[in-house]
Amino acid sequence: VQLVESGGGLVQPGGSLRLSCVASGFIFNIYDMNWYRQAPGKEREWVARITAGGDGTAYADSVKGRFTISRDNAKNMVVLQMNSLKPEDTSVYYCNRRGNFGQGTQVTVSS
């Protein structure tokens, strides 16, 4: 199983970023996928989930209405569109399938 995230960076408060995760080593379209994040000194927290077929999503209260998770099963990709970013969204963001995580991508929200 390999999960490779990309798209992180430095953005000002109120800005947007689009994170991508490309998966390999398993049958992508039969698994729900998640995004997690971990801020310095804090535990890793769940951010969003999308069902295997892409027809169901769920979000942590802290990101609901600002983040959108989607997937492209033809490309083995899951995407997290992040809008209206806040400094408290600063974290390393991880793609997840069951017990597997990628290496993460850093998101920093700062002026």
Foldseek 3Di string as FASTA:
>chain_A
DAKDKDWADEAAQQAKIKMKIADDDDQQLQFKKFKWWDDPPGDIGTAKIAHSNRPDMDGDPVQPPFWDWGDDSVRNMIMIIGGRDDQVVFTFMWMDTVPDTHPTDTHGYHD
